[in-house]
Amino acid sequence: MPKMKTHSGAKKRFKLTGTGKIKRKHAYKSHILTKKTTKQKRNLTHAGLVSSGDTDRVAKMLVLK
Protein backbone atom coordinates (compact mmCIF):
# COMPACT_ATOMS: atom_id res chain seq x y z
CA MET A 1 0.00 0.00 0.00
CA PRO A 2 1.16 3.57 -0.58
CA LYS A 3 2.09 5.87 2.25
CA MET A 4 -0.64 7.90 3.94
CA LYS A 5 -0.60 11.57 3.03
CA THR A 6 -0.69 14.24 5.72
CA HIS A 7 -3.66 16.63 5.54
CA SER A 8 -2.15 19.85 4.13
CA GLY A 9 -4.44 22.15 6.12
CA ALA A 10 -3.74 20.32 9.37
CA LYS A 11 0.04 20.42 9.05
CA LYS A 12 -0.13 24.23 8.79
CA ARG A 13 -2.38 24.57 11.87
CA PHE A 14 -1.10 22.05 14.43
CA LYS A 15 2.26 21.30 16.05
CA LEU A 16 3.34 18.58 18.46
CA THR A 17 4.66 19.36 21.94
CA GLY A 18 7.62 17.51 23.40
CA THR A 19 5.32 15.18 25.31
CA GLY A 20 3.28 14.34 22.20
CA LYS A 21 0.25 16.55 22.79
CA ILE A 22 -1.15 18.55 19.87
CA LYS A 23 -0.83 22.32 20.10
CA ARG A 24 -3.16 24.76 18.33
CA LYS A 25 -3.73 28.49 17.95
CA HIS A 26 -6.86 30.31 19.06
CA ALA A 27 -9.42 31.47 16.54
CA TYR A 28 -10.65 35.09 16.13
CA LYS A 29 -7.15 36.62 16.05
CA SER A 30 -6.69 37.18 12.31
CA HIS A 31 -8.85 40.16 11.30
CA ILE A 32 -11.44 42.69 12.54
CA LEU A 33 -9.23 43.37 15.55
CA THR A 34 -10.32 46.98 16.07
CA LYS A 35 -13.54 46.06 17.89
CA LYS A 36 -11.85 43.51 20.16
CA THR A 37 -10.42 44.66 23.46
CA THR A 38 -6.70 44.55 24.17
CA LYS A 39 -7.30 41.97 26.89
CA GLN A 40 -9.22 39.73 24.50
CA LYS A 41 -6.49 39.93 21.83
CA ARG A 42 -3.78 39.28 24.42
CA ASN A 43 -5.54 36.17 25.72
CA LEU A 44 -6.01 34.83 22.17
CA THR A 45 -2.26 35.11 21.55
CA HIS A 46 -1.34 32.16 23.78
CA ALA A 47 -1.44 28.71 22.20
CA GLY A 48 -3.79 26.05 23.53
CA LEU A 49 -4.03 22.29 23.32
CA VAL A 50 -6.46 20.34 21.19
CA SER A 51 -9.30 19.01 23.35
CA SER A 52 -9.41 15.32 24.18
CA GLY A 53 -12.49 14.80 22.01
CA ASP A 54 -10.75 16.12 18.90
CA THR A 55 -7.29 14.64 19.49
CA ASP A 56 -7.99 11.39 17.60
CA ARG A 57 -9.38 13.24 14.57
CA VAL A 58 -6.44 15.66 14.38
CA ALA A 59 -3.90 12.87 14.93
CA LYS A 60 -5.43 10.97 12.01
CA MET A 61 -5.08 14.04 9.76
CA LEU A 62 -1.44 14.39 10.83
CA VAL A 63 -0.94 10.61 10.29
CA LEU A 64 0.15 10.04 13.88
CA LYS A 65 -2.12 7.02 14.36
C-alpha atoms as a PDB file:
ATOM      1  CA  MET A   1       0.000   0.000   0.000  1.00  0.00           C
ATOM      2  CA  PRO A   2       1.159   3.573  -0.579  1.00  0.00           C
ATOM      3  CA  LYS A   3       2.092   5.871   2.254  1.00  0.00           C
ATOM      4  CA  MET A   4      -0.636   7.900   3.944  1.00  0.00           C
ATOM      5  CA  LYS A   5      -0.603  11.573   3.026  1.00  0.00           C
ATOM      6  CA  THR A   6      -0.686  14.239   5.723  1.00  0.00           C
ATOM      7  CA  HIS A   7      -3.662  16.628   5.541  1.00  0.00           C
ATOM      8  CA  SER A   8      -2.145  19.846   4.135  1.00  0.00           C
ATOM      9  CA  GLY A   9      -4.438  22.149   6.116  1.00  0.00           C
ATOM     10  CA  ALA A  10      -3.736  20.323   9.368  1.00  0.00           C
ATOM     11  CA  LYS A  11       0.036  20.420   9.054  1.00  0.00           C
ATOM     12  CA  LYS A  12      -0.129  24.231   8.793  1.00  0.00           C
ATOM     13  CA  ARG A  13      -2.377  24.574  11.865  1.00  0.00           C
ATOM     14  CA  PHE A  14      -1.104  22.053  14.425  1.00  0.00           C
ATOM     15  CA  LYS A  15       2.256  21.297  16.047  1.00  0.00           C
ATOM     16  CA  LEU A  16       3.340  18.581  18.461  1.00  0.00           C
ATOM     17  CA  THR A  17       4.659  19.358  21.935  1.00  0.00           C
ATOM     18  CA  GLY A  18       7.624  17.512  23.399  1.00  0.00           C
ATOM     19  CA  THR A  19       5.321  15.175  25.310  1.00  0.00           C
ATOM     20  CA  GLY A  20       3.283  14.339  22.201  1.00  0.00           C
ATOM     21  CA  LYS A  21       0.249  16.547  22.792  1.00  0.00           C
ATOM     22  CA  ILE A  22      -1.151  18.547  19.870  1.00  0.00           C
ATOM     23  CA  LYS A  23      -0.826  22.320  20.103  1.00  0.00           C
ATOM     24  CA  ARG A  24      -3.163  24.762  18.329  1.00  0.00           C
ATOM     25  CA  LYS A  25      -3.731  28.490  17.947  1.00  0.00           C
ATOM     26  CA  HIS A  26      -6.862  30.309  19.060  1.00  0.00           C
ATOM     27  CA  ALA A  27      -9.424  31.465  16.541  1.00  0.00           C
ATOM     28  CA  TYR A  28     -10.650  35.091  16.126  1.00  0.00           C
ATOM     29  CA  LYS A  29      -7.145  36.620  16.054  1.00  0.00           C
ATOM     30  CA  SER A  30      -6.686  37.185  12.306  1.00  0.00           C
ATOM     31  CA  HIS A  31      -8.846  40.160  11.300  1.00  0.00           C
ATOM     32  CA  ILE A  32     -11.440  42.691  12.538  1.00  0.00           C
ATOM     33  CA  LEU A  33      -9.231  43.367  15.548  1.00  0.00           C
ATOM     34  CA  THR A  34     -10.324  46.981  16.071  1.00  0.00           C
ATOM     35  CA  LYS A  35     -13.539  46.063  17.888  1.00  0.00           C
ATOM     36  CA  LYS A  36     -11.851  43.507  20.155  1.00  0.00           C
ATOM     37  CA  THR A  37     -10.419  44.660  23.462  1.00  0.00           C
ATOM     38  CA  THR A  38      -6.696  44.548  24.167  1.00  0.00           C
ATOM     39  CA  LYS A  39      -7.297  41.969  26.888  1.00  0.00           C
ATOM     40  CA  GLN A  40      -9.220  39.730  24.496  1.00  0.00           C
ATOM     41  CA  LYS A  41      -6.490  39.931  21.830  1.00  0.00           C
ATOM     42  CA  ARG A  42      -3.781  39.280  24.419  1.00  0.00           C
ATOM     43  CA  ASN A  43      -5.536  36.169  25.722  1.00  0.00           C
ATOM     44  CA  LEU A  44      -6.012  34.827  22.173  1.00  0.00           C
ATOM     45  CA  THR A  45      -2.261  35.105  21.550  1.00  0.00           C
ATOM     46  CA  HIS A  46      -1.343  32.159  23.779  1.00  0.00           C
ATOM     47  CA  ALA A  47      -1.436  28.714  22.198  1.00  0.00           C
ATOM     48  CA  GLY A  48      -3.792  26.055  23.528  1.00  0.00           C
ATOM     49  CA  LEU A  49      -4.026  22.293  23.319  1.00  0.00           C
ATOM     50  CA  VAL A  50      -6.462  20.336  21.186  1.00  0.00           C
ATOM     51  CA  SER A  51      -9.301  19.010  23.345  1.00  0.00           C
ATOM     52  CA  SER A  52      -9.411  15.319  24.175  1.00  0.00           C
ATOM     53  CA  GLY A  53     -12.491  14.795  22.009  1.00  0.00           C
ATOM     54  CA  ASP A  54     -10.749  16.123  18.904  1.00  0.00           C
ATOM     55  CA  THR A  55      -7.290  14.636  19.494  1.00  0.00           C
ATOM     56  CA  ASP A  56      -7.990  11.393  17.604  1.00  0.00           C
ATOM     57  CA  ARG A  57      -9.382  13.244  14.572  1.00  0.00           C
ATOM     58  CA  VAL A  58      -6.442  15.658  14.382  1.00  0.00           C
ATOM     59  CA  ALA A  59      -3.898  12.872  14.933  1.00  0.00           C
ATOM     60  CA  LYS A  60      -5.432  10.974  12.007  1.00  0.00           C
ATOM     61  CA  MET A  61      -5.075  14.041   9.760  1.00  0.00           C
ATOM     62  CA  LEU A  62      -1.435  14.386  10.828  1.00  0.00           C
ATOM     63  CA  VAL A  63      -0.938  10.613  10.293  1.00  0.00           C
ATOM     64  CA  LEU A  64       0.145  10.039  13.881  1.00  0.00           C
ATOM     65  CA  LYS A  65      -2.122   7.024  14.360  1.00  0.00           C
END
